[in-house]
């Protein structure tokens, strides 16, 4: 196995009729592995000596090549994705820790090569030296709407990273988990980063309750699960203030009662989910997400959440509060940037004092005004999470290459928006979308820059894909270079502010 591999990439490209993705080509333990394509069909190829045990780990058809070498052509399957991660260990999801990181959601399973191109572009042009990517990231809600499983998401990211020749660390985010069953499915698939979403247990109405009602809500919390009592809660926060240095954040008794009323049940749920996951005895990191709630997370509430979780033995690497202003899907931040900067500064101070841990920016797609602010506040202790923007940019490609299909997609999105918007924080209105019949084909792509149209397309992906998924995927496969270039330019704008 120690012999020099006798065939060059150029020689192999001339030999095979199928196209070879040259960035995928790697020589590893006496074998050459690469991804090739014939039209929309992709195959893994393995070329090595007949005695190499690596061949037995992959499913596919083998044939003699020359000079004692065997060529095995393998389908892009779940089993072969697992075998590829086992063979090329850099493709295995790893723990990321406190490194600056970014999640690249991909609703179609096609976007990872474009994400890699964007990372490389940022490394070249923006001096982006250290941002660890999570290519496999999709919430359980999105998986249900796209008909994908945790294994599908992870394997699509594996094939995409392999195709693009990514050799760096990767993570895998089991996003917005709400139940033990969610955890089970993602542990079985091999995820390493688990985002717990306790939103259903957050009582956002407590902020408008009178003091007596707030006290009643606190009294009724699941104190056995919280391993405490209302009296102990009061003693903890009135006798000893958390050391938050600057800015000063004194906590009043009312602050603590309000925080407990709003987040006490959520804390209990997070603890339950964390302990269930820890009992699985697999390597994992935890993110806590309280961003999808009706009201912002105050600094006092952040202190309560972090202090209580730490008291109960929970360990986490990032936390996503609900920041001030509006982080709506697919569009720029809506709100006062000076107010947001102060809000971020306070949350970052808490994360440093009670951690350190990263602040996570959810609904982070297309929030270009926010990125410099959160970098300044955190000094790089940040996780950026994007979801549907890769899908929306895919529709930009469809608008260019198949205008008639794009018109049908927009009509479908507008039809289903009233239903599909229910689980999202959005403000777009169908009545504000330009009339399709008034637009020439050359103007359709402009809808992707219209806030109303873009947001409507962003959140109706499930309905659109159920009707047009195969047609969309076929067009993107036929124009994959255009799709990757579109993603590269779009995500470069996301990543550039995180550069040195």
Protein backbone atom coordinates (compact mmCIF):
# COMPACT_ATOMS: atom_id res chain seq x y z
CA UNK A 1 0.00 0.00 0.00
CA UNK A 2 3.02 2.25 0.34
CA UNK A 3 3.72 2.38 -3.41
CA UNK A 4 3.40 5.66 -5.25
CA UNK A 5 -0.02 5.84 -6.90
CA UNK A 6 0.72 5.33 -10.61
CA UNK A 7 -2.13 7.29 -12.23
CA UNK A 8 -2.52 11.06 -12.33
CA UNK A 9 -5.80 12.94 -12.31
CA UNK A 10 -5.12 14.17 -15.83
CA UNK A 11 -4.57 10.64 -17.09
CA UNK A 12 -7.77 9.41 -15.47
CA UNK A 13 -9.78 12.32 -16.85
CA UNK A 14 -8.66 11.30 -20.32
CA UNK A 15 -9.55 7.66 -19.73
CA UNK A 16 -13.12 7.98 -18.45
CA UNK A 17 -16.10 9.17 -20.44
CA UNK A 18 -17.79 10.51 -17.29
CA UNK A 19 -16.80 13.93 -16.00
CA UNK A 20 -14.65 13.98 -12.87
CA UNK A 21 -15.10 16.61 -10.20
CA UNK A 22 -11.41 17.40 -9.91
CA UNK A 23 -11.65 18.89 -6.41
CA UNK A 24 -12.99 15.59 -5.11
CA UNK A 25 -9.96 13.62 -6.29
CA UNK A 26 -7.97 12.31 -3.36
CA UNK A 27 -5.34 9.59 -2.87
CA UNK A 28 -5.74 7.96 0.50
CA UNK A 29 -4.15 4.76 1.84
CA UNK A 30 -3.20 3.46 -1.57
CA UNK A 31 -6.51 4.27 -3.25
CA UNK A 32 -7.76 7.08 -5.43
CA UNK A 33 -11.31 8.21 -4.74
CA UNK A 34 -13.30 10.74 -6.71
CA UNK A 35 -16.79 11.75 -7.68
CA UNK A 36 -17.83 11.61 -11.30
CA UNK A 37 -21.01 12.43 -13.17
CA UNK A 38 -22.81 11.44 -16.30
CA UNK A 39 -25.59 13.96 -16.68
CA UNK A 40 -27.51 14.21 -13.41
CA UNK A 41 -26.24 10.82 -12.14
CA UNK A 42 -23.21 10.98 -9.85
CA UNK A 43 -20.99 8.05 -8.88
CA UNK A 44 -18.18 7.48 -6.46
CA UNK A 45 -15.15 5.84 -8.06
CA UNK A 46 -12.46 3.94 -6.16
CA UNK A 47 -9.26 2.84 -7.89
CA UNK A 48 -6.85 0.68 -5.95
CA UNK A 49 -5.10 -2.68 -5.88
CA UNK A 50 -7.31 -5.72 -5.61
CA UNK A 51 -6.04 -6.61 -2.14
CA UNK A 52 -6.96 -3.24 -0.60
CA UNK A 53 -9.65 -3.96 2.06
CA UNK A 54 -11.16 -0.55 1.39
CA UNK A 55 -12.99 -2.03 -1.60
CA UNK A 56 -15.06 -4.27 0.64
CA UNK A 57 -16.49 -1.33 2.55
CA UNK A 58 -18.35 0.12 -0.42
CA UNK A 59 -21.32 -1.12 -2.44
CA UNK A 60 -20.87 -1.14 -6.21
CA UNK A 61 -19.60 -2.97 -9.24
CA UNK A 62 -15.91 -3.77 -9.61
CA UNK A 63 -13.87 -4.32 -12.77
CA UNK A 64 -10.24 -4.81 -13.64
CA UNK A 65 -8.48 -1.61 -14.65
CA UNK A 66 -4.81 -2.17 -15.44
CA UNK A 67 -1.47 -2.76 -13.76
CA UNK A 68 -3.17 -4.92 -11.11
CA UNK A 69 -5.65 -2.22 -10.15
CA UNK A 70 -9.39 -2.58 -9.62
CA UNK A 71 -11.95 0.11 -10.36
CA UNK A 72 -15.13 0.10 -8.29
CA UNK A 73 -18.05 2.31 -9.30
CA UNK A 74 -20.35 3.03 -6.39
CA UNK A 75 -23.76 4.72 -6.23
CA UNK A 76 -24.22 7.86 -4.18
CA UNK A 77 -26.15 5.98 -1.48
CA UNK A 78 -26.60 6.17 2.27
CA UNK A 79 -24.39 3.12 2.84
CA UNK A 80 -21.60 4.52 0.69
CA UNK A 81 -21.81 7.94 2.36
CA UNK A 82 -21.25 6.20 5.70
CA UNK A 83 -18.34 4.23 4.25
CA UNK A 84 -16.86 7.42 2.77
CA UNK A 85 -16.95 9.18 6.14
CA UNK A 86 -15.29 6.15 7.69
CA UNK A 87 -12.53 6.15 5.08
CA UNK A 88 -11.97 9.93 4.83
CA UNK A 89 -12.20 10.92 8.46
CA UNK A 90 -12.16 14.66 7.77
CA UNK A 91 -15.72 14.24 6.46
CA UNK A 92 -16.91 13.01 9.87
CA UNK A 93 -18.78 15.63 11.92
CA UNK A 94 -16.62 16.92 14.77
CA UNK A 95 -17.08 18.96 17.92
CA UNK A 96 -16.50 22.65 17.21
CA UNK A 97 -16.26 24.20 20.66
CA UNK A 98 -15.92 27.97 20.84
CA UNK A 99 -14.60 28.48 17.34
CA UNK A 100 -16.48 31.01 15.23
CA UNK A 101 -18.89 28.91 13.21
CA UNK A 102 -21.62 29.10 10.59
CA UNK A 103 -24.48 26.78 9.72
CA UNK A 104 -25.43 26.48 6.06
CA UNK A 105 -28.97 25.19 5.82
CA UNK A 106 -29.78 23.31 2.63
CA UNK A 107 -33.39 22.36 1.93
CA UNK A 108 -32.60 20.69 -1.40
CA UNK A 109 -29.46 18.72 -0.56
CA UNK A 110 -27.56 20.32 -3.46
CA UNK A 111 -25.98 23.46 -2.03
CA UNK A 112 -22.84 22.32 -0.17
CA UNK A 113 -20.38 22.79 -3.08
CA UNK A 114 -21.60 26.39 -3.38
CA UNK A 115 -21.16 26.88 0.35
CA UNK A 116 -17.59 25.60 0.07
CA UNK A 117 -16.90 28.01 -2.78
CA UNK A 118 -18.17 30.87 -0.62
CA UNK A 119 -15.92 29.86 2.27
CA UNK A 120 -12.90 29.71 0.00
CA UNK A 121 -13.81 33.07 -1.53
CA UNK A 122 -13.99 34.60 1.95
CA UNK A 123 -10.70 33.01 2.95
CA UNK A 124 -9.02 34.54 -0.11
CA UNK A 125 -10.62 37.96 -0.16
CA UNK A 126 -11.75 38.74 3.38
CA UNK A 127 -8.89 37.16 5.36
CA UNK A 128 -11.38 34.74 6.86
CA UNK A 129 -8.99 32.42 8.65
CA UNK A 130 -11.17 30.56 11.10
CA UNK A 131 -14.87 29.94 10.70
CA UNK A 132 -15.92 26.33 11.05
CA UNK A 133 -18.76 25.26 8.76
CA UNK A 134 -21.77 23.15 9.57
CA UNK A 135 -22.98 21.98 6.16
CA UNK A 136 -25.46 19.44 7.55
CA UNK A 137 -28.10 21.57 9.22
CA UNK A 138 -31.85 21.36 8.97
CA UNK A 139 -34.57 21.63 11.57
CA UNK A 140 -36.95 18.77 12.20
CA UNK A 141 -39.75 21.07 11.03
CA UNK A 142 -37.99 21.62 7.70
CA UNK A 143 -37.21 17.93 7.32
CA UNK A 144 -40.88 17.12 7.70
CA UNK A 145 -41.84 19.68 5.06
CA UNK A 146 -39.17 18.59 2.59
CA UNK A 147 -39.65 14.84 3.13
CA UNK A 148 -36.05 14.36 4.26
CA UNK A 149 -34.59 12.53 7.23
CA UNK A 150 -31.58 13.35 9.45
CA UNK A 151 -29.62 10.73 7.49
CA UNK A 152 -30.56 12.36 4.17
CA UNK A 153 -29.37 15.76 5.36
CA UNK A 154 -26.07 14.45 6.69
CA UNK A 155 -25.33 12.31 3.64
CA UNK A 156 -26.14 15.07 1.15
CA UNK A 157 -23.71 17.33 3.01
CA UNK A 158 -21.08 14.57 2.96
CA UNK A 159 -21.31 14.10 -0.80
CA UNK A 160 -21.28 17.85 -1.38
CA UNK A 161 -18.21 18.42 0.80
CA UNK A 162 -16.44 15.52 -0.89
CA UNK A 163 -17.31 16.83 -4.35
CA UNK A 164 -15.93 20.26 -3.48
CA UNK A 165 -12.76 18.86 -1.90
CA UNK A 166 -13.37 20.27 1.57
CA UNK A 167 -10.67 19.00 3.94
CA UNK A 168 -11.38 21.10 7.01
CA UNK A 169 -13.44 20.42 10.10
CA UNK A 170 -17.20 20.03 9.66
CA UNK A 171 -20.03 19.87 12.14
CA UNK A 172 -23.57 18.51 11.86
CA UNK A 173 -26.44 20.40 13.50
CA UNK A 174 -29.53 18.56 14.68
CA UNK A 175 -31.52 21.77 14.61
CA UNK A 176 -34.50 22.91 16.67
CA UNK A 177 -35.11 19.63 18.45
CA UNK A 178 -38.25 19.46 20.57
CA UNK A 179 -38.60 15.82 21.69
CA UNK A 180 -36.68 12.72 22.73
CA UNK A 181 -37.65 11.10 19.41
CA UNK A 182 -35.92 13.97 17.58
CA UNK A 183 -32.77 13.28 19.58
CA UNK A 184 -32.92 9.55 18.89
CA UNK A 185 -33.09 10.05 15.13
CA UNK A 186 -30.17 12.46 15.05
CA UNK A 187 -27.96 10.42 17.37
CA UNK A 188 -28.53 7.39 15.14
CA UNK A 189 -27.47 9.43 12.10
CA UNK A 190 -24.25 10.65 13.73
CA UNK A 191 -24.86 14.34 14.49
CA UNK A 192 -22.56 16.19 16.87
CA UNK A 193 -24.28 19.55 17.46
CA UNK A 194 -27.73 19.54 19.04
CA UNK A 195 -29.95 22.63 19.11
CA UNK A 196 -32.64 22.34 21.76
CA UNK A 197 -35.74 24.44 21.12
CA UNK A 198 -37.91 24.86 24.24
CA UNK A 199 -40.12 27.50 22.60
CA UNK A 200 -43.33 25.62 23.39
CA UNK A 201 -42.50 25.97 27.10
CA UNK A 202 -41.81 29.72 27.08
CA UNK A 203 -44.60 31.82 28.61
CA UNK A 204 -44.30 35.06 26.66
CA UNK A 205 -47.54 36.40 28.15
CA UNK A 206 -45.99 36.68 31.61
CA UNK A 207 -44.49 40.09 30.74
CA UNK A 208 -47.98 41.63 30.72
CA UNK A 209 -49.26 39.78 33.79
CA UNK A 210 -49.87 41.52 37.12
CA UNK A 211 -47.47 40.68 40.00
CA UNK A 212 -49.92 38.29 41.64
CA UNK A 213 -50.33 36.27 38.46
CA UNK A 214 -46.58 36.19 37.93
CA UNK A 215 -46.08 34.91 41.48
CA UNK A 216 -48.77 32.26 40.93
CA UNK A 217 -47.04 31.11 37.74
CA UNK A 218 -43.72 30.84 39.56
CA UNK A 219 -45.30 28.84 42.38
CA UNK A 220 -46.70 26.36 39.81
CA UNK A 221 -43.39 25.69 38.07
CA UNK A 222 -42.12 22.05 38.06
CA UNK A 223 -39.89 22.63 41.07
CA UNK A 224 -38.99 18.98 41.50
CA UNK A 225 -37.48 18.97 38.00
CA UNK A 226 -35.81 22.31 38.72
CA UNK A 227 -34.41 20.86 41.97
CA UNK A 228 -35.30 24.03 43.84
CA UNK A 229 -38.19 26.06 45.25
CA UNK A 230 -39.53 29.61 44.98
CA UNK A 231 -37.86 30.52 48.29
CA UNK A 232 -34.50 29.17 47.17
CA UNK A 233 -34.84 30.98 43.85
CA UNK A 234 -35.35 34.26 45.64
CA UNK A 235 -32.39 33.68 47.97
CA UNK A 236 -30.07 32.80 45.08
CA UNK A 237 -30.61 36.05 43.22
CA UNK A 238 -31.07 38.52 46.05
CA UNK A 239 -28.03 37.48 48.07
CA UNK A 240 -25.53 37.07 45.25
CA UNK A 241 -25.47 38.91 41.97
CA UNK A 242 -23.70 37.26 39.00
CA UNK A 243 -20.35 38.92 38.30
CA UNK A 244 -21.00 40.56 34.97
CA UNK A 245 -18.34 43.31 35.17
CA UNK A 246 -19.50 45.82 32.56
CA UNK A 247 -22.12 46.80 31.76
CA UNK A 248 -23.60 46.66 35.26
CA UNK A 249 -26.77 44.60 35.32
CA UNK A 250 -28.38 44.61 38.76
CA UNK A 251 -31.32 42.23 39.10
CA UNK A 252 -34.41 43.23 41.03
CA UNK A 253 -36.67 40.72 42.72
CA UNK A 254 -39.34 41.43 40.12
CA UNK A 255 -36.84 40.74 37.31
CA UNK A 256 -36.22 37.26 38.69
CA UNK A 257 -39.90 36.45 39.20
CA UNK A 258 -40.68 37.56 35.65
CA UNK A 259 -37.76 35.59 34.21
CA UNK A 260 -38.78 32.45 36.10
CA UNK A 261 -42.42 32.81 35.07
CA UNK A 262 -41.44 33.19 31.44
CA UNK A 263 -38.61 30.65 31.17
CA UNK A 264 -38.89 28.30 34.16
CA UNK A 265 -40.69 25.52 32.27
CA UNK A 266 -38.30 26.00 29.33
CA UNK A 267 -35.31 25.51 31.65
CA UNK A 268 -36.85 22.29 32.97
CA UNK A 269 -37.39 21.05 29.41
CA UNK A 270 -33.82 21.87 28.38
CA UNK A 271 -32.46 20.01 31.39
CA UNK A 272 -34.59 16.97 30.57
CA UNK A 273 -33.46 16.98 26.92
CA UNK A 274 -29.81 17.50 27.88
CA UNK A 275 -29.77 14.63 30.36
CA UNK A 276 -31.50 12.34 27.88
CA UNK A 277 -28.89 13.21 25.26
CA UNK A 278 -25.98 12.88 27.69
CA UNK A 279 -27.18 9.38 28.60
CA UNK A 280 -26.65 8.35 24.97
CA UNK A 281 -22.90 8.48 25.66
CA UNK A 282 -21.99 10.00 22.29
CA UNK A 283 -19.82 13.06 21.67
CA UNK A 284 -22.06 16.12 21.43
CA UNK A 285 -22.29 19.85 21.89
CA UNK A 286 -25.42 21.73 22.89
CA UNK A 287 -26.98 24.90 21.60
CA UNK A 288 -29.94 26.48 23.37
CA UNK A 289 -32.44 28.32 21.21
CA UNK A 290 -35.06 30.64 22.68
CA UNK A 291 -35.19 32.88 19.61
CA UNK A 292 -38.56 31.76 18.22
CA UNK A 293 -40.66 33.41 20.92
CA UNK A 294 -43.07 36.32 20.95
CA UNK A 295 -41.00 38.73 23.04
CA UNK A 296 -37.27 39.56 23.25
CA UNK A 297 -35.07 37.88 25.83
CA UNK A 298 -34.10 40.58 28.33
CA UNK A 299 -30.64 40.63 29.84
CA UNK A 300 -32.13 39.64 33.19
CA UNK A 301 -33.87 36.68 31.54
CA UNK A 302 -30.61 35.64 29.87
CA UNK A 303 -28.89 35.71 33.27
CA UNK A 304 -31.66 33.58 34.75
CA UNK A 305 -31.57 31.00 31.94
CA UNK A 306 -27.77 30.64 31.97
CA UNK A 307 -27.47 30.63 35.77
CA UNK A 308 -30.18 28.03 36.25
CA UNK A 309 -28.86 25.75 33.54
CA UNK A 310 -25.35 25.97 34.95
CA UNK A 311 -26.67 25.18 38.43
CA UNK A 312 -28.40 22.09 37.04
CA UNK A 313 -25.25 20.81 35.35
CA UNK A 314 -26.09 21.62 31.73
CA UNK A 315 -23.11 22.39 29.50
CA UNK A 316 -23.56 24.27 26.23
CA UNK A 317 -21.44 26.01 23.62
CA UNK A 318 -23.92 28.54 22.23
CA UNK A 319 -27.18 30.23 23.07
CA UNK A 320 -29.62 32.06 20.81
CA UNK A 321 -31.68 34.66 22.65
CA UNK A 322 -34.53 36.54 21.03
CA UNK A 323 -32.84 39.86 20.31
CA UNK A 324 -34.59 43.21 20.06
CA UNK A 325 -36.03 44.19 16.71
CA UNK A 326 -37.33 41.81 14.08
CA UNK A 327 -35.33 38.93 12.64
CA UNK A 328 -37.79 37.89 9.98
CA UNK A 329 -37.10 35.09 7.54
CA UNK A 330 -35.16 35.86 4.38
CA UNK A 331 -34.93 39.64 4.69
CA UNK A 332 -32.72 42.28 6.29
CA UNK A 333 -32.98 43.14 9.99
CA UNK A 334 -35.92 45.39 10.86
CA UNK A 335 -35.29 47.72 13.78
CA UNK A 336 -33.01 50.31 15.35
CA UNK A 337 -29.36 49.30 14.90
CA UNK A 338 -28.13 51.39 17.85
CA UNK A 339 -30.63 49.66 20.11
CA UNK A 340 -29.59 46.30 18.71
CA UNK A 341 -25.88 47.03 19.30
CA UNK A 342 -26.57 47.81 22.96
CA UNK A 343 -28.68 44.68 23.23
CA UNK A 344 -25.96 42.52 21.69
CA UNK A 345 -23.29 44.06 23.90
CA UNK A 346 -25.26 43.13 27.00
CA UNK A 347 -25.94 39.56 25.87
CA UNK A 348 -22.27 39.13 24.92
CA UNK A 349 -21.15 40.36 28.36
CA UNK A 350 -23.41 37.79 30.00
CA UNK A 351 -22.11 35.01 27.72
CA UNK A 352 -18.52 35.86 28.64
CA UNK A 353 -19.22 36.08 32.38
CA UNK A 354 -21.40 32.99 32.72
CA UNK A 355 -19.59 30.87 30.13
CA UNK A 356 -17.81 31.64 28.03
CA UNK A 357 -20.15 30.50 25.28
CA UNK A 358 -21.07 31.77 21.85
CA UNK A 359 -24.04 33.92 20.98
CA UNK A 360 -25.98 32.33 18.16
CA UNK A 361 -27.69 34.38 15.47
CA UNK A 362 -30.73 32.46 14.26
CA UNK A 363 -32.80 33.59 11.31
CA UNK A 364 -29.38 34.85 10.32
CA UNK A 365 -29.91 34.69 6.57
CA UNK A 366 -29.54 38.03 4.80
CA UNK A 367 -29.01 40.09 7.99
CA UNK A 368 -26.09 41.95 6.47
CA UNK A 369 -26.39 44.99 8.77
CA UNK A 370 -26.22 42.77 11.85
CA UNK A 371 -23.04 40.78 11.16
CA UNK A 372 -20.55 43.58 11.95
CA UNK A 373 -22.46 44.39 15.13
CA UNK A 374 -22.42 40.86 16.54
CA UNK A 375 -18.76 40.37 15.60
CA UNK A 376 -17.90 43.58 17.46
CA UNK A 377 -19.97 42.57 20.48
CA UNK A 378 -18.68 39.01 20.78
CA UNK A 379 -15.12 39.24 19.49
CA UNK A 380 -15.85 36.18 17.37
CA UNK A 381 -17.67 34.11 19.99
CA UNK A 382 -20.57 33.70 17.60
CA UNK A 383 -22.46 31.09 15.63
CA UNK A 384 -24.30 32.22 12.49
CA UNK A 385 -27.25 30.07 11.49
CA UNK A 386 -28.82 30.33 8.06
CA UNK A 387 -31.63 28.17 6.73
CA UNK A 388 -33.70 28.94 3.66
CA UNK A 389 -31.56 31.45 1.82
CA UNK A 390 -29.84 28.74 -0.26
CA UNK A 391 -33.27 27.58 -1.41
CA UNK A 392 -34.36 31.10 -2.31
CA UNK A 393 -31.15 31.63 -4.27
CA UNK A 394 -31.88 28.36 -6.07
CA UNK A 395 -35.13 29.96 -7.21
CA UNK A 396 -33.08 32.86 -8.57
CA UNK A 397 -31.44 30.34 -10.89
CA UNK A 398 -34.84 28.92 -11.87
CA UNK A 399 -36.07 32.43 -12.71
CA UNK A 400 -33.15 32.81 -15.10
CA UNK A 401 -33.24 29.45 -16.84
CA UNK A 402 -36.96 28.44 -16.67
CA UNK A 403 -39.16 31.55 -16.35
CA UNK A 404 -42.37 29.59 -16.93
CA UNK A 405 -41.57 27.22 -14.05
CA UNK A 406 -40.68 30.16 -11.82
CA UNK A 407 -44.06 31.78 -12.53
CA UNK A 408 -45.80 28.58 -11.40
CA UNK A 409 -43.67 28.49 -8.25
CA UNK A 410 -44.55 32.07 -7.32
CA UNK A 411 -48.26 31.41 -7.91
CA UNK A 412 -48.08 28.29 -5.72
CA UNK A 413 -46.23 30.18 -2.98
CA UNK A 414 -48.79 32.97 -2.92
CA UNK A 415 -51.62 30.44 -2.77
CA UNK A 416 -50.20 28.60 0.24
CA UNK A 417 -48.62 31.51 2.12
CA UNK A 418 -51.55 32.13 4.48
CA UNK A 419 -51.20 28.58 5.82
CA UNK A 420 -47.43 28.15 5.64
CA UNK A 421 -46.59 31.41 7.39
CA UNK A 422 -48.19 30.26 10.66
CA UNK A 423 -44.99 28.89 12.21
CA UNK A 424 -42.74 31.79 11.19
CA UNK A 425 -42.16 35.40 12.20
CA UNK A 426 -42.89 37.15 8.89
CA UNK A 427 -44.74 40.26 7.74
CA UNK A 428 -44.91 39.88 3.94
CA UNK A 429 -48.27 40.29 2.24
CA UNK A 430 -49.34 38.61 -0.99
CA UNK A 431 -51.13 41.80 -2.04
CA UNK A 432 -47.77 43.58 -2.14
CA UNK A 433 -46.19 41.14 -4.59
CA UNK A 434 -46.02 42.56 -8.14
CA UNK A 435 -48.57 41.04 -10.50
CA UNK A 436 -46.85 38.26 -12.44
CA UNK A 437 -48.71 38.95 -15.66
CA UNK A 438 -47.29 42.46 -15.71
CA UNK A 439 -43.68 41.29 -15.55
CA UNK A 440 -41.65 40.22 -18.57
CA UNK A 441 -39.45 37.16 -18.14
CA UNK A 442 -36.36 39.33 -17.85
CA UNK A 443 -37.80 41.03 -14.75
CA UNK A 444 -38.77 37.88 -12.84
CA UNK A 445 -35.41 37.50 -11.13
CA UNK A 446 -36.02 40.88 -9.50
CA UNK A 447 -38.73 39.29 -7.36
CA UNK A 448 -35.94 37.64 -5.38
CA UNK A 449 -34.88 41.12 -4.26
CA UNK A 450 -38.42 42.19 -3.33
CA UNK A 451 -38.92 41.70 0.41
CA UNK A 452 -42.51 40.51 0.13
CA UNK A 453 -41.91 38.05 -2.68
CA UNK A 454 -38.64 36.80 -1.19
CA UNK A 455 -40.17 36.17 2.22
CA UNK A 456 -43.23 34.45 0.78
CA UNK A 457 -41.01 32.15 -1.29
CA UNK A 458 -38.79 31.53 1.74
CA UNK A 459 -41.51 30.10 4.00
CA UNK A 460 -43.61 28.21 1.43
CA UNK A 461 -40.83 25.81 0.45
CA UNK A 462 -42.74 22.75 1.66
CA UNK A 463 -45.77 23.45 -0.51
CA UNK A 464 -43.62 24.38 -3.51
CA UNK A 465 -41.37 21.34 -3.28
CA UNK A 466 -44.31 18.97 -2.94
CA UNK A 467 -45.49 20.17 -6.36
CA UNK A 468 -42.32 21.21 -8.16
CA UNK A 469 -39.44 19.58 -6.27
CA UNK A 470 -38.29 17.21 -9.03
CA UNK A 471 -38.51 19.94 -11.67
CA UNK A 472 -36.51 22.38 -9.52
CA UNK A 473 -33.83 19.81 -8.75
CA UNK A 474 -33.54 18.77 -12.39
CA UNK A 475 -32.98 22.37 -13.49
CA UNK A 476 -30.39 22.98 -10.79
CA UNK A 477 -28.54 19.81 -11.70
CA UNK A 478 -28.49 20.92 -15.33
CA UNK A 479 -27.10 24.32 -14.28
CA UNK A 480 -25.16 23.40 -11.18
CA UNK A 481 -22.22 25.72 -11.91
CA UNK A 482 -24.63 28.66 -12.08
CA UNK A 483 -26.20 27.57 -8.78
CA UNK A 484 -22.82 27.24 -7.06
CA UNK A 485 -21.68 30.63 -8.36
CA UNK A 486 -24.92 32.23 -7.19
CA UNK A 487 -24.45 30.75 -3.72
CA UNK A 488 -20.80 31.77 -3.65
CA UNK A 489 -21.60 35.42 -4.27
CA UNK A 490 -24.53 35.40 -1.87
CA UNK A 491 -22.75 33.71 1.03
CA UNK A 492 -19.58 35.70 0.55
CA UNK A 493 -21.64 38.69 1.67
CA UNK A 494 -22.63 36.72 4.78
CA UNK A 495 -19.11 35.61 5.64
CA UNK A 496 -17.06 38.68 4.77
CA UNK A 497 -17.84 40.58 8.02
CA UNK A 498 -16.39 37.66 10.03
CA UNK A 499 -12.97 38.10 8.39
CA UNK A 500 -9.87 39.43 10.08
